[in-house]
Amino acid sequence: MNGILTLAQETVTTTGDGLVTIGKGIGFGLTVLGGGLGIGNIGANAVQSIARQPEAAGPIGTNMIIAAALIEGLAVISMVLLAFVV
């Protein structure tokens, strides 16, 4: 923890927009964490649903892939906004 604080202090003192850089790093981390948890949750629930109703594996798998792609797209849009707009 002490190393992170030292790095944060160095970033703030060496550049004029140090707090913006730290905020971007936190934003990127939360974006990756949220996207990963969302896709993992979808996958776990899809496998559980297929285990309960094996005959519905096709539609469940299709819906799982579509939902995962939407979450991944939202995460990419969030990272692009963090990188270029903020």
N, C-alpha and C. Protein backbone atom coordinates (compact mmCIF):
# COMPACT_ATOMS: atom_id res chain seq x y z
N MET A 1 0.82 -1.20 0.00
CA MET A 1 0.00 0.00 0.00
C MET A 1 0.86 1.25 0.00
N ASN A 2 1.98 1.19 0.71
CA ASN A 2 2.85 2.34 0.78
C ASN A 2 3.45 2.67 -0.58
N GLY A 3 3.75 1.64 -1.38
CA GLY A 3 4.29 1.86 -2.71
C GLY A 3 3.30 2.56 -3.62
N ILE A 4 2.02 2.21 -3.49
CA ILE A 4 0.99 2.85 -4.31
C ILE A 4 0.86 4.32 -3.95
N LEU A 5 0.92 4.63 -2.66
CA LEU A 5 0.81 6.02 -2.24
C LEU A 5 2.01 6.82 -2.72
N THR A 6 3.20 6.22 -2.67
CA THR A 6 4.39 6.91 -3.16
C THR A 6 4.28 7.19 -4.65
N LEU A 7 3.81 6.18 -5.41
CA LEU A 7 3.62 6.37 -6.84
C LEU A 7 2.59 7.46 -7.12
N ALA A 8 1.53 7.49 -6.35
CA ALA A 8 0.49 8.51 -6.53
C ALA A 8 1.05 9.90 -6.24
N GLN A 9 1.86 10.02 -5.20
CA GLN A 9 2.43 11.32 -4.88
C GLN A 9 3.41 11.78 -5.95
N GLU A 10 4.21 10.83 -6.48
CA GLU A 10 5.14 11.19 -7.55
C GLU A 10 4.38 11.64 -8.80
N THR A 11 3.28 10.96 -9.10
CA THR A 11 2.49 11.33 -10.28
C THR A 11 1.90 12.72 -10.12
N VAL A 12 1.42 13.04 -8.94
CA VAL A 12 0.81 14.35 -8.71
C VAL A 12 1.86 15.45 -8.78
N THR A 13 3.05 15.19 -8.26
CA THR A 13 4.06 16.25 -8.24
C THR A 13 4.78 16.42 -9.57
N THR A 14 4.87 15.36 -10.39
CA THR A 14 5.62 15.49 -11.63
C THR A 14 4.78 16.00 -12.79
N THR A 15 3.50 15.77 -12.78
CA THR A 15 2.65 16.25 -13.86
C THR A 15 1.57 17.16 -13.28
N GLY A 16 1.07 18.05 -14.11
CA GLY A 16 0.05 18.96 -13.64
C GLY A 16 -1.30 18.31 -13.46
N ASP A 17 -1.57 17.24 -14.21
CA ASP A 17 -2.87 16.57 -14.13
C ASP A 17 -2.73 15.19 -13.48
N GLY A 18 -2.03 15.14 -12.39
CA GLY A 18 -1.78 13.86 -11.72
C GLY A 18 -3.04 13.21 -11.19
N LEU A 19 -3.95 13.99 -10.63
CA LEU A 19 -5.17 13.42 -10.09
C LEU A 19 -6.06 12.87 -11.20
N VAL A 20 -6.01 13.49 -12.37
CA VAL A 20 -6.77 12.98 -13.51
C VAL A 20 -6.22 11.62 -13.92
N THR A 21 -4.90 11.49 -13.91
CA THR A 21 -4.26 10.23 -14.26
C THR A 21 -4.64 9.14 -13.27
N ILE A 22 -4.64 9.46 -12.01
CA ILE A 22 -5.03 8.48 -10.99
C ILE A 22 -6.49 8.09 -11.16
N GLY A 23 -7.34 9.08 -11.44
CA GLY A 23 -8.76 8.79 -11.67
C GLY A 23 -8.98 7.90 -12.88
N LYS A 24 -8.20 8.14 -13.95
CA LYS A 24 -8.31 7.29 -15.13
C LYS A 24 -7.91 5.85 -14.79
N GLY A 25 -6.85 5.70 -14.01
CA GLY A 25 -6.42 4.35 -13.62
C GLY A 25 -7.48 3.63 -12.81
N ILE A 26 -8.10 4.33 -11.89
CA ILE A 26 -9.17 3.73 -11.09
C ILE A 26 -10.36 3.40 -11.99
N GLY A 27 -10.68 4.30 -12.92
CA GLY A 27 -11.79 4.06 -13.85
C GLY A 27 -11.55 2.84 -14.73
N PHE A 28 -10.33 2.70 -15.24
CA PHE A 28 -10.00 1.53 -16.05
C PHE A 28 -10.14 0.25 -15.22
N GLY A 29 -9.64 0.30 -13.99
CA GLY A 29 -9.72 -0.88 -13.13
C GLY A 29 -11.15 -1.29 -12.83
N LEU A 30 -11.99 -0.32 -12.53
CA LEU A 30 -13.40 -0.62 -12.26
C LEU A 30 -14.12 -1.12 -13.50
N THR A 31 -13.75 -0.59 -14.67
CA THR A 31 -14.36 -1.04 -15.92
C THR A 31 -14.03 -2.50 -16.18
N VAL A 32 -12.77 -2.85 -16.03
CA VAL A 32 -12.35 -4.23 -16.26
C VAL A 32 -12.98 -5.16 -15.23
N LEU A 33 -13.00 -4.73 -13.99
CA LEU A 33 -13.59 -5.55 -12.93
C LEU A 33 -15.08 -5.77 -13.16
N GLY A 34 -15.80 -4.72 -13.50
CA GLY A 34 -17.24 -4.85 -13.73
C GLY A 34 -17.56 -5.71 -14.93
N GLY A 35 -16.82 -5.51 -16.03
CA GLY A 35 -17.04 -6.33 -17.22
C GLY A 35 -16.74 -7.80 -16.96
N GLY A 36 -15.64 -8.06 -16.27
CA GLY A 36 -15.28 -9.45 -15.97
C GLY A 36 -16.29 -10.13 -15.06
N LEU A 37 -16.74 -9.41 -14.04
CA LEU A 37 -17.75 -9.99 -13.15
C LEU A 37 -19.07 -10.22 -13.87
N GLY A 38 -19.45 -9.29 -14.72
CA GLY A 38 -20.71 -9.43 -15.46
C GLY A 38 -20.69 -10.62 -16.40
N ILE A 39 -19.61 -10.76 -17.16
CA ILE A 39 -19.52 -11.87 -18.10
C ILE A 39 -19.39 -13.20 -17.35
N GLY A 40 -18.66 -13.20 -16.24
CA GLY A 40 -18.56 -14.42 -15.44
C GLY A 40 -19.90 -14.84 -14.86
N ASN A 41 -20.68 -13.86 -14.43
CA ASN A 41 -22.01 -14.15 -13.89
C ASN A 41 -22.93 -14.72 -14.98
N ILE A 42 -22.86 -14.15 -16.17
CA ILE A 42 -23.66 -14.66 -17.29
C ILE A 42 -23.28 -16.10 -17.60
N GLY A 43 -21.98 -16.36 -17.67
CA GLY A 43 -21.52 -17.71 -17.97
C GLY A 43 -21.95 -18.72 -16.92
N ALA A 44 -21.82 -18.35 -15.66
CA ALA A 44 -22.20 -19.26 -14.58
C ALA A 44 -23.70 -19.57 -14.62
N ASN A 45 -24.50 -18.55 -14.82
CA ASN A 45 -25.95 -18.77 -14.86
C ASN A 45 -26.38 -19.53 -16.11
N ALA A 46 -25.67 -19.33 -17.23
CA ALA A 46 -26.01 -20.07 -18.44
C ALA A 46 -25.71 -21.56 -18.26
N VAL A 47 -24.57 -21.86 -17.65
CA VAL A 47 -24.23 -23.27 -17.41
C VAL A 47 -25.24 -23.90 -16.46
N GLN A 48 -25.63 -23.16 -15.45
CA GLN A 48 -26.63 -23.67 -14.50
C GLN A 48 -27.97 -23.91 -15.19
N SER A 49 -28.36 -23.00 -16.07
CA SER A 49 -29.62 -23.16 -16.79
C SER A 49 -29.58 -24.34 -17.74
N ILE A 50 -28.45 -24.53 -18.42
CA ILE A 50 -28.32 -25.66 -19.33
C ILE A 50 -28.32 -26.97 -18.56
N ALA A 51 -27.77 -26.96 -17.34
CA ALA A 51 -27.79 -28.18 -16.52
C ALA A 51 -29.22 -28.53 -16.10
N ARG A 52 -30.05 -27.52 -15.89
CA ARG A 52 -31.43 -27.77 -15.49
C ARG A 52 -32.31 -28.18 -16.67
N GLN A 53 -32.07 -27.58 -17.84
CA GLN A 53 -32.86 -27.88 -19.04
C GLN A 53 -31.91 -28.09 -20.21
N PRO A 54 -31.39 -29.29 -20.38
CA PRO A 54 -30.43 -29.53 -21.45
C PRO A 54 -31.01 -29.30 -22.85
N GLU A 55 -32.30 -29.46 -23.03
CA GLU A 55 -32.88 -29.28 -24.36
C GLU A 55 -32.90 -27.81 -24.79
N ALA A 56 -32.72 -26.89 -23.86
CA ALA A 56 -32.72 -25.46 -24.18
C ALA A 56 -31.30 -24.90 -24.31
N ALA A 57 -30.33 -25.78 -24.55
CA ALA A 57 -28.93 -25.34 -24.59
C ALA A 57 -28.67 -24.36 -25.74
N GLY A 58 -29.29 -24.57 -26.88
CA GLY A 58 -29.06 -23.69 -28.02
C GLY A 58 -29.46 -22.25 -27.78
N PRO A 59 -30.74 -22.02 -27.42
CA PRO A 59 -31.15 -20.62 -27.17
C PRO A 59 -30.43 -19.98 -25.98
N ILE A 60 -30.15 -20.77 -24.96
CA ILE A 60 -29.45 -20.21 -23.79
C ILE A 60 -28.04 -19.79 -24.18
N GLY A 61 -27.37 -20.63 -24.96
CA GLY A 61 -26.02 -20.29 -25.39
C GLY A 61 -25.99 -19.05 -26.28
N THR A 62 -26.97 -18.95 -27.16
CA THR A 62 -27.04 -17.79 -28.05
C THR A 62 -27.28 -16.51 -27.24
N ASN A 63 -28.22 -16.57 -26.32
CA ASN A 63 -28.50 -15.39 -25.49
C ASN A 63 -27.30 -15.03 -24.61
N MET A 64 -26.57 -16.05 -24.15
CA MET A 64 -25.39 -15.79 -23.32
C MET A 64 -24.34 -15.03 -24.13
N ILE A 65 -24.10 -15.45 -25.36
CA ILE A 65 -23.08 -14.81 -26.20
C ILE A 65 -23.50 -13.38 -26.53
N ILE A 66 -24.76 -13.16 -26.81
CA ILE A 66 -25.23 -11.81 -27.13
C ILE A 66 -25.08 -10.90 -25.91
N ALA A 67 -25.46 -11.38 -24.75
CA ALA A 67 -25.35 -10.57 -23.53
C ALA A 67 -23.88 -10.29 -23.20
N ALA A 68 -23.02 -11.28 -23.36
CA ALA A 68 -21.59 -11.06 -23.08
C ALA A 68 -21.00 -10.05 -24.06
N ALA A 69 -21.42 -10.09 -25.31
CA ALA A 69 -20.93 -9.12 -26.29
C ALA A 69 -21.39 -7.71 -25.96
N LEU A 70 -22.62 -7.57 -25.48
CA LEU A 70 -23.11 -6.25 -25.09
C LEU A 70 -22.34 -5.70 -23.89
N ILE A 71 -22.06 -6.55 -22.92
CA ILE A 71 -21.28 -6.11 -21.75
C ILE A 71 -19.87 -5.73 -22.17
N GLU A 72 -19.27 -6.55 -23.03
CA GLU A 72 -17.91 -6.26 -23.50
C GLU A 72 -17.89 -4.95 -24.28
N GLY A 73 -18.90 -4.70 -25.09
CA GLY A 73 -18.98 -3.45 -25.84
C GLY A 73 -19.09 -2.25 -24.92
N LEU A 74 -19.88 -2.38 -23.87
CA LEU A 74 -20.02 -1.29 -22.91
C LEU A 74 -18.70 -1.03 -22.20
N ALA A 75 -17.96 -2.09 -21.87
CA ALA A 75 -16.66 -1.92 -21.22
C ALA A 75 -15.67 -1.23 -22.16
N VAL A 76 -15.67 -1.59 -23.43
CA VAL A 76 -14.77 -0.96 -24.39
C VAL A 76 -15.12 0.51 -24.57
N ILE A 77 -16.41 0.82 -24.67
CA ILE A 77 -16.83 2.22 -24.81
C ILE A 77 -16.40 3.02 -23.58
N SER A 78 -16.53 2.43 -22.41
CA SER A 78 -16.12 3.11 -21.19
C SER A 78 -14.62 3.38 -21.19
N MET A 79 -13.82 2.41 -21.64
CA MET A 79 -12.37 2.61 -21.69
C MET A 79 -11.98 3.66 -22.72
N VAL A 80 -12.66 3.68 -23.85
CA VAL A 80 -12.37 4.69 -24.87
C VAL A 80 -12.70 6.08 -24.32
N LEU A 81 -13.83 6.21 -23.65
CA LEU A 81 -14.19 7.51 -23.06
C LEU A 81 -13.17 7.94 -22.01
N LEU A 82 -12.72 7.00 -21.20
CA LEU A 82 -11.72 7.32 -20.19
C LEU A 82 -10.40 7.74 -20.83
N ALA A 83 -10.02 7.07 -21.90
CA ALA A 83 -8.71 7.33 -22.50
C ALA A 83 -8.68 8.64 -23.28
N PHE A 84 -9.75 8.95 -23.99
CA PHE A 84 -9.68 10.06 -24.92
C PHE A 84 -10.50 11.28 -24.53
N VAL A 85 -11.53 11.12 -23.74
CA VAL A 85 -12.40 12.26 -23.43
C VAL A 85 -12.00 12.90 -22.11
N VAL A 86 -11.75 12.11 -21.12
CA VAL A 86 -11.43 12.66 -19.78
C VAL A 86 -10.01 13.17 -19.76
